[in-house]
C-alpha atoms as a PDB file:
ATOM      1  CA  MET A   1       5.053  15.906 -89.697  1.00  0.00           C
ATOM      2  CA  SER A   2       6.576  18.650 -87.521  1.00  0.00           C
ATOM      3  CA  ASP A   3       7.698  17.839 -83.989  1.00  0.00           C
ATOM      4  CA  ILE A   4       4.691  18.462 -81.759  1.00  0.00           C
ATOM      5  CA  PHE A   5       6.956  18.976 -78.724  1.00  0.00           C
ATOM      6  CA  GLU A   6       9.380  21.492 -80.261  1.00  0.00           C
ATOM      7  CA  GLY A   7       9.511  24.595 -78.058  1.00  0.00           C
ATOM      8  CA  ARG A   8       6.406  23.556 -76.122  1.00  0.00           C
ATOM      9  CA  VAL A   9       5.666  23.322 -72.404  1.00  0.00           C
ATOM     10  CA  ILE A  10       4.552  19.812 -71.453  1.00  0.00           C
ATOM     11  CA  LEU A  11       3.056  18.805 -68.115  1.00  0.00           C
ATOM     12  CA  VAL A  12       3.029  15.126 -67.094  1.00  0.00           C
ATOM     13  CA  THR A  13       0.725  14.220 -64.218  1.00  0.00           C
ATOM     14  CA  GLY A  14       2.018  11.265 -62.255  1.00  0.00           C
ATOM     15  CA  GLY A  15       5.326  12.106 -63.872  1.00  0.00           C
ATOM     16  CA  THR A  16       7.503  10.098 -61.487  1.00  0.00           C
ATOM     17  CA  GLY A  17       5.814   6.797 -62.362  1.00  0.00           C
ATOM     18  CA  SER A  18       7.224   4.222 -64.790  1.00  0.00           C
ATOM     19  CA  PHE A  19       5.513   5.855 -67.768  1.00  0.00           C
ATOM     20  CA  GLY A  20       6.446   9.379 -66.710  1.00  0.00           C
ATOM     21  CA  LEU A  21      10.113   8.499 -66.242  1.00  0.00           C
ATOM     22  CA  LYS A  22      10.488   6.900 -69.667  1.00  0.00           C
ATOM     23  CA  PHE A  23       8.332   9.500 -71.397  1.00  0.00           C
ATOM     24  CA  THR A  24      10.438  12.293 -69.897  1.00  0.00           C
ATOM     25  CA  GLU A  25      13.646  10.551 -70.951  1.00  0.00           C
ATOM     26  CA  THR A  26      12.294  10.281 -74.506  1.00  0.00           C
ATOM     27  CA  LEU A  27      11.216  13.928 -74.565  1.00  0.00           C
ATOM     28  CA  LEU A  28      14.631  15.159 -73.466  1.00  0.00           C
ATOM     29  CA  LYS A  29      16.628  12.880 -75.777  1.00  0.00           C
ATOM     30  CA  LYS A  30      14.575  12.910 -78.980  1.00  0.00           C
ATOM     31  CA  HIS A  31      12.745  16.242 -78.836  1.00  0.00           C
ATOM     32  CA  ASN A  32      13.389  19.811 -77.808  1.00  0.00           C
ATOM     33  CA  PRO A  33      10.601  20.990 -75.486  1.00  0.00           C
ATOM     34  CA  ARG A  34      10.885  24.386 -73.837  1.00  0.00           C
ATOM     35  CA  SER A  35      10.190  22.733 -70.509  1.00  0.00           C
ATOM     36  CA  VAL A  36       8.758  19.531 -69.043  1.00  0.00           C
ATOM     37  CA  ARG A  37       6.805  19.879 -65.813  1.00  0.00           C
ATOM     38  CA  ILE A  38       6.627  16.821 -63.574  1.00  0.00           C
ATOM     39  CA  TYR A  39       3.524  17.002 -61.394  1.00  0.00           C
ATOM     40  CA  SER A  40       3.302  14.385 -58.635  1.00  0.00           C
ATOM     41  CA  ARG A  41       2.982  13.878 -54.880  1.00  0.00           C
ATOM     42  CA  GLY A  42       6.249  12.103 -54.068  1.00  0.00           C
ATOM     43  CA  GLU A  43       9.061  14.382 -52.904  1.00  0.00           C
ATOM     44  CA  LEU A  44      11.741  11.656 -52.857  1.00  0.00           C
ATOM     45  CA  LYS A  45      10.834  10.359 -56.306  1.00  0.00           C
ATOM     46  CA  GLN A  46      11.083  13.870 -57.693  1.00  0.00           C
ATOM     47  CA  VAL A  47      14.502  14.386 -56.104  1.00  0.00           C
ATOM     48  CA  ASP A  48      15.728  11.048 -57.516  1.00  0.00           C
ATOM     49  CA  MET A  49      14.366  11.944 -60.943  1.00  0.00           C
ATOM     50  CA  GLU A  50      15.992  15.373 -60.887  1.00  0.00           C
ATOM     51  CA  ARG A  51      19.359  13.821 -60.057  1.00  0.00           C
ATOM     52  CA  ARG A  52      18.936  11.179 -62.737  1.00  0.00           C
ATOM     53  CA  PHE A  53      18.284  13.589 -65.596  1.00  0.00           C
ATOM     54  CA  ASP A  54      20.045  16.776 -64.468  1.00  0.00           C
ATOM     55  CA  ASP A  55      18.404  18.845 -67.227  1.00  0.00           C
ATOM     56  CA  ASP A  56      17.483  22.502 -66.847  1.00  0.00           C
ATOM     57  CA  ARG A  57      14.383  22.010 -69.000  1.00  0.00           C
ATOM     58  CA  LEU A  58      12.794  19.986 -66.188  1.00  0.00           C
ATOM     59  CA  ARG A  59      10.494  21.522 -63.593  1.00  0.00           C
ATOM     60  CA  PHE A  60       9.354  19.546 -60.542  1.00  0.00           C
ATOM     61  CA  LEU A  61       6.021  20.488 -58.999  1.00  0.00           C
ATOM     62  CA  ILE A  62       4.770  18.821 -55.832  1.00  0.00           C
ATOM     63  CA  GLY A  63       1.023  18.508 -56.079  1.00  0.00           C
ATOM     64  CA  ASP A  64      -1.988  16.218 -56.178  1.00  0.00           C
ATOM     65  CA  ILE A  65      -4.518  16.187 -59.015  1.00  0.00           C
ATOM     66  CA  ARG A  66      -7.159  16.253 -56.278  1.00  0.00           C
ATOM     67  CA  ASP A  67      -5.918  19.725 -55.360  1.00  0.00           C
ATOM     68  CA  ARG A  68      -7.730  22.002 -57.793  1.00  0.00           C
ATOM     69  CA  GLU A  69      -5.921  25.230 -56.920  1.00  0.00           C
ATOM     70  CA  ARG A  70      -2.443  23.709 -57.087  1.00  0.00           C
ATOM     71  CA  LEU A  71      -3.217  21.981 -60.379  1.00  0.00           C
ATOM     72  CA  TYR A  72      -4.524  25.239 -61.866  1.00  0.00           C
ATOM     73  CA  ARG A  73      -1.230  26.932 -60.978  1.00  0.00           C
ATOM     74  CA  ALA A  74       0.789  24.075 -62.485  1.00  0.00           C
ATOM     75  CA  LEU A  75      -1.186  24.323 -65.744  1.00  0.00           C
ATOM     76  CA  ASN A  76      -0.376  27.998 -66.280  1.00  0.00           C
ATOM     77  CA  ASP A  77       1.256  28.498 -69.732  1.00  0.00           C
ATOM     78  CA  VAL A  78       1.211  24.734 -70.473  1.00  0.00           C
ATOM     79  CA  ASP A  79       0.710  23.633 -74.093  1.00  0.00           C
ATOM     80  CA  ILE A  80       0.336  19.844 -73.775  1.00  0.00           C
ATOM     81  CA  VAL A  81      -0.743  17.606 -70.878  1.00  0.00           C
ATOM     82  CA  VAL A  82      -0.114  13.878 -70.638  1.00  0.00           C
ATOM     83  CA  HIS A  83      -2.339  12.595 -67.850  1.00  0.00           C
ATOM     84  CA  ALA A  84      -0.751   9.507 -66.293  1.00  0.00           C
ATOM     85  CA  ALA A  85      -1.645  10.053 -62.616  1.00  0.00           C
ATOM     86  CA  ALA A  86      -3.914   7.398 -61.122  1.00  0.00           C
ATOM     87  CA  LEU A  87      -4.452   4.955 -58.306  1.00  0.00           C
ATOM     88  CA  LYS A  88      -4.113   1.741 -60.312  1.00  0.00           C
ATOM     89  CA  HIS A  89      -3.494  -1.248 -58.048  1.00  0.00           C
ATOM     90  CA  VAL A  90      -6.748  -3.221 -57.980  1.00  0.00           C
ATOM     91  CA  PRO A  91      -6.699  -4.369 -54.315  1.00  0.00           C
ATOM     92  CA  VAL A  92      -5.692  -0.890 -53.131  1.00  0.00           C
ATOM     93  CA  CYS A  93      -8.621   0.667 -55.000  1.00  0.00           C
ATOM     94  CA  GLU A  94     -11.031  -1.946 -53.653  1.00  0.00           C
ATOM     95  CA  TYR A  95      -9.918  -1.291 -50.052  1.00  0.00           C
ATOM     96  CA  ASN A  96      -9.905   2.498 -50.533  1.00  0.00           C
ATOM     97  CA  PRO A  97     -12.797   3.084 -52.951  1.00  0.00           C
ATOM     98  CA  ALA A  98     -13.436   6.718 -52.048  1.00  0.00           C
ATOM     99  CA  GLU A  99      -9.755   7.538 -52.491  1.00  0.00           C
ATOM    100  CA  ALA A 100      -9.705   5.847 -55.906  1.00  0.00           C
ATOM    101  CA  ALA A 101     -12.711   7.919 -56.959  1.00  0.00           C
ATOM    102  CA  LYS A 102     -11.119  11.140 -55.702  1.00  0.00           C
ATOM    103  CA  THR A 103      -7.920  10.572 -57.671  1.00  0.00           C
ATOM    104  CA  ASN A 104      -9.137   8.847 -60.819  1.00  0.00           C
ATOM    105  CA  ILE A 105     -12.463  10.654 -61.270  1.00  0.00           C
ATOM    106  CA  MET A 106     -12.351  13.955 -59.379  1.00  0.00           C
ATOM    107  CA  GLY A 107      -8.730  14.418 -60.428  1.00  0.00           C
ATOM    108  CA  ALA A 108      -9.768  14.097 -64.066  1.00  0.00           C
ATOM    109  CA  MET A 109     -12.494  16.708 -63.559  1.00  0.00           C
ATOM    110  CA  ASN A 110      -9.967  19.097 -62.012  1.00  0.00           C
ATOM    111  CA  LEU A 111      -7.652  18.553 -64.962  1.00  0.00           C
ATOM    112  CA  ILE A 112     -10.389  19.212 -67.528  1.00  0.00           C
ATOM    113  CA  ASN A 113     -11.425  22.491 -65.936  1.00  0.00           C
ATOM    114  CA  GLY A 114      -7.858  23.592 -65.295  1.00  0.00           C
ATOM    115  CA  ALA A 115      -6.723  22.806 -68.838  1.00  0.00           C
ATOM    116  CA  ILE A 116      -9.608  24.754 -70.389  1.00  0.00           C
ATOM    117  CA  ASP A 117      -9.232  27.777 -68.110  1.00  0.00           C
ATOM    118  CA  ASN A 118      -5.470  27.906 -68.707  1.00  0.00           C
ATOM    119  CA  GLY A 119      -5.755  27.595 -72.494  1.00  0.00           C
ATOM    120  CA  VAL A 120      -3.942  24.260 -72.816  1.00  0.00           C
ATOM    121  CA  ASP A 121      -3.812  23.081 -76.422  1.00  0.00           C
ATOM    122  CA  LYS A 122      -4.009  19.288 -76.066  1.00  0.00           C
ATOM    123  CA  VAL A 123      -4.687  16.795 -73.276  1.00  0.00           C
ATOM    124  CA  VAL A 124      -4.248  13.066 -73.715  1.00  0.00           C
ATOM    125  CA  ALA A 125      -5.186  10.744 -70.852  1.00  0.00           C
ATOM    126  CA  LEU A 126      -3.853   7.234 -70.384  1.00  0.00           C
ATOM    127  CA  SER A 127      -6.496   4.552 -69.940  1.00  0.00           C
ATOM    128  CA  THR A 128      -6.498   0.768 -69.722  1.00  0.00           C
ATOM    129  CA  ASP A 129      -8.275  -2.345 -70.929  1.00  0.00           C
ATOM    130  CA  LYS A 130      -9.583  -2.635 -67.354  1.00  0.00           C
ATOM    131  CA  ALA A 131     -11.939   0.273 -68.215  1.00  0.00           C
ATOM    132  CA  VAL A 132     -13.807  -1.938 -70.694  1.00  0.00           C
ATOM    133  CA  HIS A 133     -16.660  -3.925 -69.121  1.00  0.00           C
ATOM    134  CA  PRO A 134     -15.099  -3.192 -65.708  1.00  0.00           C
ATOM    135  CA  VAL A 135     -15.300  -5.834 -63.011  1.00  0.00           C
ATOM    136  CA  ASN A 136     -13.320  -3.957 -60.363  1.00  0.00           C
ATOM    137  CA  LEU A 137     -13.370  -0.442 -58.937  1.00  0.00           C
ATOM    138  CA  TYR A 138     -10.136   0.567 -60.631  1.00  0.00           C
ATOM    139  CA  GLY A 139     -11.598  -0.300 -64.041  1.00  0.00           C
ATOM    140  CA  ALA A 140     -14.854   1.468 -63.200  1.00  0.00           C
ATOM    141  CA  THR A 141     -13.056   4.688 -62.240  1.00  0.00           C
ATOM    142  CA  LYS A 142     -11.008   4.579 -65.444  1.00  0.00           C
ATOM    143  CA  MET A 143     -14.187   4.047 -67.465  1.00  0.00           C
ATOM    144  CA  VAL A 144     -15.669   7.187 -65.899  1.00  0.00           C
ATOM    145  CA  MET A 145     -12.374   9.009 -66.492  1.00  0.00           C
ATOM    146  CA  GLU A 146     -12.591   8.166 -70.205  1.00  0.00           C
ATOM    147  CA  LYS A 147     -16.151   9.501 -70.411  1.00  0.00           C
ATOM    148  CA  LEU A 148     -15.182  12.712 -68.619  1.00  0.00           C
ATOM    149  CA  ILE A 149     -12.099  13.320 -70.770  1.00  0.00           C
ATOM    150  CA  ILE A 150     -13.930  12.748 -74.052  1.00  0.00           C
ATOM    151  CA  GLN A 151     -16.852  14.981 -73.095  1.00  0.00           C
ATOM    152  CA  GLY A 152     -14.373  17.566 -71.846  1.00  0.00           C
ATOM    153  CA  ASN A 153     -14.423  18.733 -75.442  1.00  0.00           C
ATOM    154  CA  VAL A 154     -17.976  19.934 -74.818  1.00  0.00           C
ATOM    155  CA  TYR A 155     -16.844  22.178 -71.956  1.00  0.00           C
ATOM    156  CA  ALA A 156     -13.937  23.526 -73.988  1.00  0.00           C
ATOM    157  CA  GLY A 157     -16.283  25.169 -76.491  1.00  0.00           C
ATOM    158  CA  ARG A 158     -14.552  27.895 -78.468  1.00  0.00           C
ATOM    159  CA  LYS A 159     -11.557  27.971 -76.143  1.00  0.00           C
ATOM    160  CA  GLY A 160     -10.075  25.226 -78.260  1.00  0.00           C
ATOM    161  CA  THR A 161      -8.625  22.770 -75.726  1.00  0.00           C
ATOM    162  CA  LYS A 162      -8.749  19.259 -77.181  1.00  0.00           C
ATOM    163  CA  PHE A 163      -9.143  16.096 -75.101  1.00  0.00           C
ATOM    164  CA  SER A 164      -8.524  12.473 -76.122  1.00  0.00           C
ATOM    165  CA  CYS A 165      -7.633   9.125 -74.539  1.00  0.00           C
ATOM    166  CA  THR A 166      -5.274   6.278 -75.268  1.00  0.00           C
ATOM    167  CA  ARG A 167      -6.345   2.820 -74.135  1.00  0.00           C
ATOM    168  CA  TYR A 168      -3.944  -0.103 -74.086  1.00  0.00           C
ATOM    169  CA  GLY A 169      -3.147  -3.307 -72.185  1.00  0.00           C
ATOM    170  CA  ASN A 170      -0.605  -4.484 -69.639  1.00  0.00           C
ATOM    171  CA  VAL A 171       2.813  -2.848 -69.789  1.00  0.00           C
ATOM    172  CA  ILE A 172       5.564  -5.474 -69.664  1.00  0.00           C
ATOM    173  CA  GLY A 173       7.510  -5.173 -66.440  1.00  0.00           C
ATOM    174  CA  SER A 174       5.556  -2.261 -64.958  1.00  0.00           C
ATOM    175  CA  SER A 175       4.964  -2.195 -61.212  1.00  0.00           C
ATOM    176  CA  GLY A 176       1.346  -3.227 -61.684  1.00  0.00           C
ATOM    177  CA  SER A 177       2.007  -6.218 -63.957  1.00  0.00           C
ATOM    178  CA  VAL A 178       2.467  -9.876 -63.038  1.00  0.00           C
ATOM    179  CA  VAL A 179       5.992  -9.984 -64.496  1.00  0.00           C
ATOM    180  CA  PRO A 180       7.784  -8.750 -61.310  1.00  0.00           C
ATOM    181  CA  VAL A 181       5.715 -11.249 -59.300  1.00  0.00           C
ATOM    182  CA  PHE A 182       6.821 -14.177 -61.467  1.00  0.00           C
ATOM    183  CA  ILE A 183      10.442 -13.010 -61.332  1.00  0.00           C
ATOM    184  CA  GLN A 184      10.279 -12.866 -57.539  1.00  0.00           C
ATOM    185  CA  GLN A 185       8.658 -16.311 -57.336  1.00  0.00           C
ATOM    186  CA  LYS A 186      11.263 -17.728 -59.706  1.00  0.00           C
ATOM    187  CA  GLU A 187      13.755 -18.075 -56.837  1.00  0.00           C
ATOM    188  CA  SER A 188      11.520 -20.564 -55.044  1.00  0.00           C
ATOM    189  CA  GLY A 189      10.978 -22.735 -58.130  1.00  0.00           C
ATOM    190  CA  LYS A 190       7.196 -22.423 -57.706  1.00  0.00           C
ATOM    191  CA  ILE A 191       4.841 -19.873 -59.243  1.00  0.00           C
ATOM    192  CA  THR A 192       1.135 -19.223 -58.781  1.00  0.00           C
ATOM    193  CA  ILE A 193      -1.247 -19.138 -61.758  1.00  0.00           C
ATOM    194  CA  THR A 194      -4.802 -17.932 -61.263  1.00  0.00           C
ATOM    195  CA  ASP A 195      -6.276 -19.740 -64.297  1.00  0.00           C
ATOM    196  CA  GLU A 196      -4.493 -21.634 -67.081  1.00  0.00           C
ATOM    197  CA  ARG A 197      -6.924 -20.290 -69.703  1.00  0.00           C
ATOM    198  CA  MET A 198      -6.173 -16.648 -68.951  1.00  0.00           C
ATOM    199  CA  THR A 199      -4.917 -14.302 -71.702  1.00  0.00           C
ATOM    200  CA  ARG A 200      -3.732 -10.713 -71.611  1.00  0.00           C
ATOM    201  CA  PHE A 201      -2.752  -7.915 -74.005  1.00  0.00           C
ATOM    202  CA  TRP A 202       0.896  -6.840 -73.693  1.00  0.00           C
ATOM    203  CA  ILE A 203       2.787  -3.728 -74.720  1.00  0.00           C
ATOM    204  CA  THR A 204       6.280  -2.484 -73.916  1.00  0.00           C
ATOM    205  CA  LEU A 205       6.820   0.834 -72.178  1.00  0.00           C
ATOM    206  CA  GLU A 206       8.590   2.178 -75.277  1.00  0.00           C
ATOM    207  CA  GLN A 207       5.679   1.139 -77.493  1.00  0.00           C
ATOM    208  CA  GLY A 208       3.241   2.819 -75.122  1.00  0.00           C
ATOM    209  CA  ILE A 209       5.221   6.067 -75.241  1.00  0.00           C
ATOM    210  CA  ASP A 210       5.411   5.980 -79.045  1.00  0.00           C
ATOM    211  CA  PHE A 211       1.668   5.353 -79.201  1.00  0.00           C
ATOM    212  CA  VAL A 212       0.851   8.250 -76.875  1.00  0.00           C
ATOM    213  CA  THR A 213       3.128  10.520 -78.928  1.00  0.00           C
ATOM    214  CA  ASP A 214       1.505   9.445 -82.205  1.00  0.00           C
ATOM    215  CA  SER A 215      -1.946   9.963 -80.676  1.00  0.00           C
ATOM    216  CA  LEU A 216      -1.011  13.509 -79.644  1.00  0.00           C
ATOM    217  CA  LYS A 217       0.026  14.220 -83.221  1.00  0.00           C
ATOM    218  CA  MET A 218      -3.152  12.773 -84.737  1.00  0.00           C
ATOM    219  CA  MET A 219      -5.798  13.782 -82.216  1.00  0.00           C
ATOM    220  CA  LYS A 220      -8.602  16.154 -83.120  1.00  0.00           C
ATOM    221  CA  GLY A 221     -10.302  15.839 -79.730  1.00  0.00           C
ATOM    222  CA  GLY A 222     -12.868  13.216 -78.766  1.00  0.00           C
ATOM    223  CA  GLU A 223     -11.115  10.026 -79.840  1.00  0.00           C
ATOM    224  CA  ILE A 224     -10.056   6.957 -77.910  1.00  0.00           C
ATOM    225  CA  PHE A 225      -6.950   5.531 -79.572  1.00  0.00           C
ATOM    226  CA  VAL A 226      -6.447   1.751 -79.262  1.00  0.00           C
ATOM    227  CA  PRO A 227      -3.235   0.109 -80.527  1.00  0.00           C
ATOM    228  CA  LYS A 228      -3.084  -3.307 -82.137  1.00  0.00           C
ATOM    229  CA  ILE A 229      -0.880  -5.232 -79.720  1.00  0.00           C
ATOM    230  CA  PRO A 230      -0.165  -8.925 -79.142  1.00  0.00           C
ATOM    231  CA  SER A 231      -1.772 -11.239 -76.625  1.00  0.00           C
ATOM    232  CA  MET A 232      -0.146 -13.950 -74.564  1.00  0.00           C
ATOM    233  CA  LYS A 233      -1.399 -16.843 -72.486  1.00  0.00           C
ATOM    234  CA  ILE A 234      -0.554 -16.497 -68.821  1.00  0.00           C
ATOM    235  CA  THR A 235       0.976 -19.984 -68.891  1.00  0.00           C
ATOM    236  CA  ASP A 236       3.276 -19.006 -71.782  1.00  0.00           C
ATOM    237  CA  LEU A 237       4.257 -15.874 -69.878  1.00  0.00           C
ATOM    238  CA  ALA A 238       5.160 -17.997 -66.851  1.00  0.00           C
ATOM    239  CA  ASP A 239       7.153 -20.442 -68.990  1.00  0.00           C
ATOM    240  CA  ALA A 240       9.086 -17.589 -70.618  1.00  0.00           C
ATOM    241  CA  ILE A 241      10.160 -16.239 -67.219  1.00  0.00           C
ATOM    242  CA  THR A 242      10.460 -19.449 -65.193  1.00  0.00           C
ATOM    243  CA  PRO A 243      10.651 -22.366 -67.663  1.00  0.00           C
ATOM    244  CA  ASN A 244      11.340 -25.035 -65.027  1.00  0.00           C
ATOM    245  CA  ALA A 245       9.142 -23.784 -62.214  1.00  0.00           C
ATOM    246  CA  LYS A 246       6.254 -25.793 -60.820  1.00  0.00           C
ATOM    247  CA  LYS A 247       2.877 -24.127 -61.376  1.00  0.00           C
ATOM    248  CA  ARG A 248       0.227 -23.926 -58.660  1.00  0.00           C
ATOM    249  CA  ILE A 249      -3.287 -22.994 -59.785  1.00  0.00           C
ATOM    250  CA  ILE A 250      -4.967 -20.749 -57.201  1.00  0.00           C
ATOM    251  CA  GLY A 251      -8.117 -19.606 -59.031  1.00  0.00           C
ATOM    252  CA  ILE A 252      -9.154 -16.216 -60.389  1.00  0.00           C
ATOM    253  CA  ARG A 253      -8.812 -13.467 -57.805  1.00  0.00           C
ATOM    254  CA  PRO A 254     -11.583 -10.978 -56.951  1.00  0.00           C
ATOM    255  CA  GLY A 255     -11.891  -8.294 -59.617  1.00  0.00           C
ATOM    256  CA  GLU A 256      -9.970 -10.291 -62.218  1.00  0.00           C
ATOM    257  CA  LYS A 257     -11.080 -11.298 -65.721  1.00  0.00           C
ATOM    258  CA  LEU A 258     -10.315 -14.428 -67.710  1.00  0.00           C
ATOM    259  CA  HIS A 259      -9.725 -12.344 -70.846  1.00  0.00           C
ATOM    260  CA  GLU A 260      -9.407  -8.595 -71.404  1.00  0.00           C
ATOM    261  CA  VAL A 261     -11.179  -6.381 -73.948  1.00  0.00           C
ATOM    262  CA  LEU A 262      -9.769  -3.312 -75.706  1.00  0.00           C
ATOM    263  CA  LEU A 263     -12.684  -2.661 -78.044  1.00  0.00           C
ATOM    264  CA  THR A 264     -16.269  -3.807 -77.473  1.00  0.00           C
ATOM    265  CA  ALA A 265     -18.794  -4.773 -80.138  1.00  0.00           C
ATOM    266  CA  ASP A 266     -20.852  -1.700 -79.225  1.00  0.00           C
ATOM    267  CA  GLU A 267     -17.831   0.586 -79.574  1.00  0.00           C
ATOM    268  CA  ALA A 268     -16.897  -1.069 -82.863  1.00  0.00           C
ATOM    269  CA  ARG A 269     -20.041   0.397 -84.416  1.00  0.00           C
ATOM    270  CA  HIS A 270     -18.521   3.868 -84.164  1.00  0.00           C
ATOM    271  CA  ALA A 271     -14.852   2.917 -84.571  1.00  0.00           C
ATOM    272  CA  LYS A 272     -12.449   2.840 -87.522  1.00  0.00           C
ATOM    273  CA  GLU A 273      -9.640   0.393 -88.152  1.00  0.00           C
ATOM    274  CA  PHE A 274      -6.238   1.538 -89.382  1.00  0.00           C
ATOM    275  CA  SER A 275      -3.112  -0.492 -90.093  1.00  0.00           C
ATOM    276  CA  SER A 276      -1.743  -0.528 -86.540  1.00  0.00           C
ATOM    277  CA  TYR A 277      -4.519   0.946 -84.392  1.00  0.00           C
ATOM    278  CA  PHE A 278      -8.237   1.607 -83.976  1.00  0.00           C
ATOM    279  CA  ILE A 279      -9.895   4.960 -83.366  1.00  0.00           C
ATOM    280  CA  ILE A 280     -13.106   4.931 -81.347  1.00  0.00           C
ATOM    281  CA  GLU A 281     -14.934   8.002 -82.528  1.00  0.00           C
ATOM    282  CA  PRO A 282     -17.158   9.924 -80.085  1.00  0.00           C
ATOM    283  CA  GLU A 283     -20.658   8.494 -79.975  1.00  0.00           C
ATOM    284  CA  TYR A 284     -22.188  11.761 -78.751  1.00  0.00           C
ATOM    285  CA  LYS A 285     -20.839  14.544 -80.936  1.00  0.00           C
ATOM    286  CA  PHE A 286     -21.955  17.620 -79.014  1.00  0.00           C
ATOM    287  CA  TRP A 287     -19.112  19.649 -80.525  1.00  0.00           C
ATOM    288  CA  ARG A 288     -17.864  20.006 -84.066  1.00  0.00           C
ATOM    289  CA  TRP A 289     -16.303  16.652 -84.903  1.00  0.00           C
ATOM    290  CA  VAL A 290     -14.134  16.133 -87.974  1.00  0.00           C
ATOM    291  CA  PRO A 291     -13.642  12.402 -88.680  1.00  0.00           C
ATOM    292  CA  HIS A 292     -10.190  11.050 -89.475  1.00  0.00           C
ATOM    293  CA  ALA A 293      -9.560  10.363 -93.140  1.00  0.00           C
ATOM    294  CA  GLY A 294      -9.040   6.750 -94.146  1.00  0.00           C
ATOM    295  CA  GLY A 295      -9.654   3.780 -91.950  1.00  0.00           C
ATOM    296  CA  LYS A 296     -12.328   1.192 -92.502  1.00  0.00           C
ATOM    297  CA  SER A 297     -15.519   0.372 -90.675  1.00  0.00           C
ATOM    298  CA  LEU A 298     -15.552  -2.774 -88.588  1.00  0.00           C
ATOM    299  CA  PRO A 299     -17.869  -5.734 -89.249  1.00  0.00           C
ATOM    300  CA  GLY A 300     -20.945  -6.215 -87.118  1.00  0.00           C
ATOM    301  CA  GLY A 301     -20.251  -7.988 -83.859  1.00  0.00           C
ATOM    302  CA  PHE A 302     -16.510  -7.354 -83.980  1.00  0.00           C
ATOM    303  CA  ALA A 303     -14.773  -7.106 -80.619  1.00  0.00           C
ATOM    304  CA  TYR A 304     -11.051  -6.832 -79.942  1.00  0.00           C
ATOM    305  CA  THR A 305     -10.328  -9.191 -77.059  1.00  0.00           C
ATOM    306  CA  SER A 306      -7.160 -10.810 -75.763  1.00  0.00           C
ATOM    307  CA  ASN A 307      -8.372 -14.317 -76.641  1.00  0.00           C
ATOM    308  CA  ASN A 308      -9.553 -13.580 -80.210  1.00  0.00           C
ATOM    309  CA  ASN A 309      -6.437 -11.626 -81.167  1.00  0.00           C
ATOM    310  CA  THR A 310      -4.613 -12.369 -84.414  1.00  0.00           C
ATOM    311  CA  GLN A 311      -1.251 -11.330 -82.901  1.00  0.00           C
ATOM    312  CA  TRP A 312       0.386 -13.520 -80.269  1.00  0.00           C
ATOM    313  CA  LEU A 313       3.593 -12.940 -78.359  1.00  0.00           C
ATOM    314  CA  GLU A 314       5.997 -15.875 -78.492  1.00  0.00           C
ATOM    315  CA  LYS A 315       7.886 -17.004 -75.385  1.00  0.00           C
ATOM    316  CA  GLU A 316      11.318 -16.282 -76.842  1.00  0.00           C
ATOM    317  CA  GLU A 317      10.215 -12.860 -78.035  1.00  0.00           C
ATOM    318  CA  LEU A 318       9.059 -11.979 -74.524  1.00  0.00           C
ATOM    319  CA  ARG A 319      12.303 -13.255 -73.017  1.00  0.00           C
ATOM    320  CA  LYS A 320      14.303 -10.984 -75.332  1.00  0.00           C
ATOM    321  CA  MET A 321      12.170  -8.016 -74.257  1.00  0.00           C
ATOM    322  CA  LEU A 322      12.699  -8.786 -70.576  1.00  0.00           C
ATOM    323  CA  VAL A 323      16.446  -9.229 -71.044  1.00  0.00           C
ATOM    324  CA  LYS A 324      16.632  -5.927 -72.916  1.00  0.00           C
ATOM    325  CA  GLN A 325      14.804  -4.175 -70.079  1.00  0.00           C
ATOM    326  CA  GLY A 326      17.038  -5.766 -67.441  1.00  0.00           C
ATOM    327  CA  PHE A 327      14.425  -8.018 -65.835  1.00  0.00           C
ATOM    328  CA  LEU A 328      16.185 -11.286 -66.791  1.00  0.00           C
END
């Protein structure tokens, strides 16, 4: 398959975040884009990123996805958009609900309209398992974002812009994960566990980037791509990071689930399983939809949850990942 990024202009919203940094590094090292536009609000982060990479293919654009006019200008002559901008910390979203809606929902609407009007070829948006059966505002806004992005294909009409989503679990070591918390608590010899039964899906940043790239190559517009990734018990995660620490059980926090879901039983009715991923096909096909070849239908009642997973991450395997990434 030809390199989808060769000679193309790529815009990354939220490009100074953990995903954007690693994705940009991968683009510059392994591909040959014409330019990569980093669109974000943080001046200092952009300056630090520019110094880090020192590559004349990079363009740094200060802007907020809430700002329709600025986003439209940034999308001019862009071929591919990777939408990673979001307010994602659960307590922050709960305390600032209107702001979360403006960024995660209204920002997505601005992106859809701007991408269509500027003739962007492909848009892939990053989603999360928190969007499935959401129990907090962050998850609810990401659920709406998914719906908007998928149905963006309706608005595109004959203009040809294609919209899809990727949905995956917790990224090991990201700023929003529990890993940095456990590492910080390690010094005291005591760590806090919300519930000993808790399980979570885990994916590395590199795996997430590879999955987004593969999804961009495969997408026809309208899909939600879900990778098959391992689960881990929260107690095993704690033992891998702080094997001798004393655990204190504090109870599930507001807006937290015991187990996460990446694919519901209702979604499974219009999803296909492939060797390393699932594709949730659009339930409402208001535009011309061409199904992906291959894949198999899922059995009735199937749901892909972190506690019924067939893949489990071992403690030593996680430790090796954390050492490789410089966390341990």
